[in-house]
Protein backbone atom coordinates (compact mmCIF):
# COMPACT_ATOMS: atom_id res chain seq x y z
CA MET A 1 -44.44 128.15 -229.67
CA VAL A 2 -45.61 126.44 -226.59
CA ALA A 3 -45.65 122.63 -225.58
CA GLU A 4 -48.59 120.70 -227.05
CA ASN A 5 -51.24 119.53 -224.67
CA ALA A 6 -50.32 116.73 -222.47
CA ASN A 7 -53.49 114.56 -223.55
CA ALA A 8 -52.08 114.11 -226.96
CA LEU A 9 -51.27 110.49 -227.90
CA PRO A 10 -47.44 110.51 -228.06
CA GLU A 11 -46.71 107.28 -229.75
CA TYR A 12 -49.89 107.88 -232.33
CA SER A 13 -49.18 106.90 -235.84
CA PRO A 14 -52.12 108.36 -237.76
CA ASP A 15 -53.05 108.07 -241.41
CA TYR A 16 -54.24 111.51 -241.77
CA SER A 17 -53.31 115.01 -239.86
CA VAL A 18 -56.05 117.73 -240.20
CA VAL A 19 -54.31 120.87 -239.91
CA VAL A 20 -56.30 124.00 -238.68
CA PRO A 21 -54.67 127.39 -238.36
CA VAL A 22 -56.51 130.05 -236.10
CA ARG A 23 -56.14 133.26 -235.16
CA ASN A 24 -58.93 134.78 -232.66
CA GLU A 25 -61.34 132.19 -233.49
CA ALA A 26 -62.49 131.14 -229.87
CA GLY A 27 -66.23 131.18 -230.94
CA ASN A 28 -65.71 128.34 -233.79
CA ILE A 29 -63.37 126.05 -232.13
CA ILE A 30 -66.12 123.69 -230.22
CA PRO A 31 -68.33 123.30 -233.02
CA LEU A 32 -65.71 122.78 -235.66
CA ILE A 33 -63.81 120.20 -233.73
CA ALA A 34 -66.88 118.20 -233.23
CA GLU A 35 -67.62 118.32 -237.11
CA ILE A 36 -64.02 117.35 -237.85
CA ARG A 37 -64.07 114.37 -235.61
CA ALA A 38 -67.40 113.30 -237.14
CA ALA A 39 -66.07 113.41 -240.44
CA MET A 40 -62.85 111.63 -239.88
CA GLU A 41 -64.50 108.84 -238.05
CA SER A 42 -66.87 108.37 -241.09
CA VAL A 43 -63.91 107.95 -243.40
CA GLY A 44 -63.53 103.92 -244.18
CA LYS A 45 -65.62 101.13 -243.01
CA THR A 46 -63.94 100.75 -239.68
CA GLY A 47 -63.20 104.12 -238.83
CA THR A 48 -59.52 105.86 -239.29
CA ALA A 49 -56.53 106.85 -237.48
CA TYR A 50 -56.15 110.57 -237.44
CA GLU A 51 -54.98 113.76 -235.48
CA ILE A 52 -56.30 117.03 -235.35
CA ILE A 53 -53.46 119.87 -235.18
CA TYR A 54 -54.82 123.31 -234.25
CA VAL A 55 -51.92 126.11 -234.66
CA ASP A 56 -52.71 129.03 -232.66
CA ASP A 57 -51.16 132.07 -234.50
CA GLY A 58 -50.71 134.32 -231.37
CA SER A 59 -54.43 134.80 -230.70
CA ASP A 60 -55.07 137.42 -228.21
CA ASP A 61 -58.85 136.21 -227.24
CA GLU A 62 -59.87 133.00 -225.65
CA THR A 63 -58.74 130.97 -228.39
CA ALA A 64 -55.93 129.27 -226.27
CA ALA A 65 -58.18 128.55 -223.18
CA VAL A 66 -60.95 127.02 -225.37
CA LEU A 67 -58.54 124.90 -227.22
CA GLY A 68 -57.23 123.82 -223.70
CA GLN A 69 -60.48 122.75 -222.48
CA GLN A 70 -61.01 120.77 -225.78
CA ALA A 71 -57.86 119.04 -225.20
CA LYS A 72 -59.10 117.38 -222.15
CA HIS A 73 -61.96 115.42 -223.80
CA CYS A 74 -60.13 114.95 -227.51
CA PRO A 75 -56.97 112.77 -227.40
CA GLU A 76 -56.58 113.30 -231.09
CA LEU A 77 -56.18 117.02 -230.57
CA ARG A 78 -52.63 118.48 -230.68
CA ILE A 79 -52.27 122.21 -229.77
CA ILE A 80 -49.18 124.34 -231.11
CA ARG A 81 -49.09 128.21 -230.38
CA HIS A 82 -47.38 130.87 -232.01
CA ALA A 83 -45.96 133.42 -229.36
CA GLU A 84 -47.05 136.17 -231.84
CA SER A 85 -48.83 136.15 -235.11
CA ALA A 86 -46.71 135.08 -238.12
CA GLY A 87 -49.56 134.67 -240.55
CA GLN A 88 -51.60 131.81 -242.10
CA SER A 89 -48.94 130.31 -244.04
CA ALA A 90 -46.67 130.21 -241.13
CA ALA A 91 -49.23 128.54 -239.35
CA ILE A 92 -50.09 125.88 -241.83
CA MET A 93 -45.98 125.39 -242.29
CA THR A 94 -45.99 124.61 -238.55
CA GLY A 95 -48.78 122.24 -238.53
CA VAL A 96 -47.53 120.34 -241.53
CA ASN A 97 -44.05 120.13 -240.26
CA ALA A 98 -45.31 118.84 -236.94
CA ALA A 99 -47.66 116.30 -238.42
CA LYS A 100 -47.37 112.49 -237.96
CA ALA A 101 -49.39 111.58 -240.85
CA PRO A 102 -48.26 111.15 -244.52
CA THR A 103 -51.60 112.70 -245.82
CA ILE A 104 -52.65 116.02 -244.90
CA ILE A 105 -56.07 117.82 -245.01
CA THR A 106 -56.23 121.60 -244.25
CA LEU A 107 -59.26 123.71 -243.57
CA ASP A 108 -59.85 127.40 -242.18
CA GLY A 109 -60.66 127.66 -238.63
CA ASP A 110 -63.58 130.08 -239.01
CA GLY A 111 -65.94 127.35 -239.62
CA GLN A 112 -66.78 128.24 -243.30
CA ASN A 113 -65.25 125.13 -244.74
CA ASP A 114 -67.54 122.03 -244.25
CA PRO A 115 -65.80 119.36 -242.46
CA ALA A 116 -68.56 116.94 -244.14
CA ASP A 117 -66.65 117.53 -247.48
CA ILE A 118 -63.49 115.88 -246.21
CA PRO A 119 -64.46 112.25 -247.20
CA LYS A 120 -65.36 113.32 -250.65
CA LEU A 121 -61.80 115.09 -251.08
CA LEU A 122 -60.12 111.84 -249.44
CA ALA A 123 -61.67 109.69 -251.53
CA ALA A 124 -60.63 111.52 -255.03
CA PHE A 125 -57.00 111.57 -253.48
CA ALA A 126 -56.98 108.02 -252.48
CA ALA A 127 -58.24 107.30 -256.20
CA ASP A 128 -55.04 108.52 -257.83
CA ALA A 129 -52.07 106.16 -258.08
CA ASP A 130 -49.46 109.07 -257.75
CA ARG A 131 -50.60 110.85 -254.47
CA ASP A 132 -47.26 112.47 -253.73
CA HIS A 133 -47.74 114.58 -256.83
CA LEU A 134 -51.49 115.52 -256.26
CA LEU A 135 -53.22 118.36 -254.54
CA VAL A 136 -56.91 118.06 -254.23
CA THR A 137 -58.57 121.54 -253.40
CA GLY A 138 -62.03 122.53 -252.72
CA GLN A 139 -64.24 124.70 -255.13
CA ARG A 140 -66.56 126.83 -253.41
CA THR A 141 -69.66 126.74 -255.82
CA ARG A 142 -71.71 129.10 -253.49
CA ARG A 143 -69.93 131.48 -251.56
CA GLN A 144 -71.36 132.69 -248.34
CA ASP A 145 -69.29 135.84 -247.71
CA PRO A 146 -69.96 139.43 -247.58
CA TRP A 147 -69.98 141.20 -250.92
CA LEU A 148 -66.51 142.61 -250.56
CA LYS A 149 -65.01 139.54 -249.79
CA ARG A 150 -66.57 137.85 -252.71
CA VAL A 151 -65.52 140.65 -255.04
CA SER A 152 -61.71 140.74 -253.68
CA SER A 153 -61.63 136.98 -254.37
CA ARG A 154 -62.87 137.17 -257.80
CA ILE A 155 -60.40 139.96 -258.72
CA ALA A 156 -57.44 137.97 -256.98
CA ASN A 157 -58.54 134.69 -258.78
CA ALA A 158 -58.78 136.54 -262.10
CA VAL A 159 -55.44 138.27 -261.74
CA ARG A 160 -53.56 135.15 -260.54
CA ALA A 161 -54.87 132.87 -263.05
CA ALA A 162 -54.01 135.32 -265.79
CA LEU A 163 -50.40 135.61 -264.49
CA LEU A 164 -49.76 132.19 -263.27
CA GLY A 165 -52.09 129.95 -265.49
CA ASP A 166 -52.64 127.30 -262.70
CA GLY A 167 -56.33 126.43 -264.15
CA THR A 168 -57.74 126.57 -260.55
CA PRO A 169 -60.70 128.42 -260.29
CA ASP A 170 -60.49 128.97 -256.44
CA THR A 171 -57.16 128.72 -254.81
CA GLY A 172 -58.58 130.55 -251.85
CA CYS A 173 -60.58 127.75 -250.39
CA GLY A 174 -58.84 126.45 -247.18
CA LEU A 175 -59.99 122.75 -247.51
CA LYS A 176 -57.21 121.10 -249.44
CA VAL A 177 -55.68 117.41 -249.36
CA PHE A 178 -52.22 116.62 -250.29
CA SER A 179 -49.06 114.50 -249.06
CA ARG A 180 -46.58 115.74 -246.44
CA SER A 181 -43.80 115.02 -248.30
CA SER A 182 -45.12 117.14 -251.37
CA PHE A 183 -45.61 120.08 -249.10
CA ILE A 184 -42.38 119.91 -247.53
CA SER A 185 -40.56 119.84 -250.80
CA MET A 186 -42.06 123.15 -251.83
CA PRO A 187 -40.46 126.46 -251.11
CA GLY A 188 -41.93 128.34 -247.89
CA PHE A 189 -42.69 131.65 -247.75
CA ASP A 190 -45.28 134.16 -246.45
CA HIS A 191 -48.58 133.93 -248.11
CA MET A 192 -47.57 130.42 -249.90
CA HIS A 193 -50.86 129.03 -249.05
CA ARG A 194 -52.61 131.10 -251.63
CA PHE A 195 -50.24 129.48 -254.30
CA LEU A 196 -50.42 125.88 -253.47
CA PRO A 197 -51.84 124.79 -256.92
CA THR A 198 -48.93 126.69 -258.78
CA LEU A 199 -46.35 125.37 -256.34
CA MET A 200 -47.48 121.55 -256.95
CA LEU A 201 -47.71 122.39 -260.96
CA ARG A 202 -44.10 123.67 -260.47
CA GLN A 203 -42.81 120.43 -259.19
CA GLY A 204 -44.49 118.44 -261.82
CA GLY A 205 -47.61 117.69 -259.89
CA ARG A 206 -51.50 117.90 -260.70
CA VAL A 207 -54.38 119.96 -259.09
CA LEU A 208 -57.99 118.50 -258.93
CA SER A 209 -60.69 120.75 -258.14
CA VAL A 210 -63.79 119.42 -256.36
CA PRO A 211 -67.05 121.36 -255.62
CA VAL A 212 -67.63 121.84 -251.96
CA ASN A 213 -70.11 123.39 -249.56
CA HIS A 214 -69.42 126.88 -248.13
CA ARG A 215 -70.83 128.25 -245.09
CA PRO A 216 -71.58 131.71 -243.51
CA ARG A 217 -69.29 132.85 -240.53
CA LEU A 218 -71.21 132.40 -237.31
CA ALA A 219 -68.71 133.96 -235.00
CA GLY A 220 -65.60 136.45 -235.18
CA VAL A 221 -64.85 138.50 -238.16
CA THR A 222 -62.62 138.31 -241.12
CA LYS A 223 -58.97 138.77 -241.41
CA TYR A 224 -58.77 139.55 -244.70
CA GLY A 225 -60.00 142.39 -247.16
CA LEU A 226 -59.68 143.75 -250.47
CA PHE A 227 -56.24 145.45 -250.01
CA ASP A 228 -54.83 142.34 -248.25
CA ARG A 229 -55.70 140.19 -251.09
CA LEU A 230 -54.49 142.70 -253.92
CA GLY A 231 -51.94 144.99 -252.25
CA VAL A 232 -49.87 142.18 -250.55
CA GLY A 233 -50.59 139.59 -253.35
CA ILE A 234 -49.47 141.69 -256.38
CA GLY A 235 -45.74 141.32 -255.05
CA ASP A 236 -46.35 137.56 -254.23
CA LEU A 237 -47.61 136.94 -257.62
CA PHE A 238 -44.28 138.40 -259.26
CA GLY A 239 -42.44 136.11 -256.84
CA VAL A 240 -44.23 133.13 -257.56
CA GLY A 241 -44.10 133.64 -261.53
CA TRP A 242 -40.25 133.99 -260.92
CA LEU A 243 -40.20 130.70 -259.08
CA LYS A 244 -42.52 129.01 -261.84
CA ARG A 245 -40.12 130.13 -264.62
CA ARG A 246 -37.28 128.44 -262.64
CA SER A 247 -39.13 125.33 -262.08
CA PRO A 248 -37.22 122.05 -262.03
CA ARG A 249 -36.99 120.37 -265.28
CA PRO A 250 -36.49 116.81 -264.83
CA GLY A 251 -34.58 115.28 -267.78
CA THR A 252 -32.77 118.15 -268.98
């Protein structure tokens, strides 16, 4: 990893940390940061304290340069870079571990998640009395993806639901809200971001799905295909199933 941008606010104590994992997303950074800032500044009647943590997962395009330029004008922006790609879950774990806020918001860096939905998810999260045991996840009701990605997601969700029974219709949506403490208490492993609902249920928590907007990708290319979702995912499913069967059982 490299040092964070010098313009970040070192003594800042935000209410929310927005974690955005990226790899080779140079063309999507500028508009997405602007949308995140607009969404976060609309939260609450008098604004809100937040930080935006971009975790650059070993990009080899202009991602690092574009983020560096954005940091000059956005003091809320923190940049962390993996020297080489370690995967989306590793990038999310890096961002959450570095986060200064108790509440985490994640979204994908490709611009397909709509930051305008963030206040809606935060409102659902804030309405719950036990937020340390709650995961609020977006449910993309009208997917704007190529047919192969839509089909692979449907298959992956169906297989996962049958084997794990997490009751979540769209675990692949990157837009999620949860407490930092709940995430830190979960077992960390490659591809864990695909199983956050099961991991939350495993530790006695709850999962709430909220319908959200989904947009077509405007720049760059998708990093995942049918064999990424199924080939790697099958082994993960059995591993997570094993974890679920050995979940903590308070009071026993």
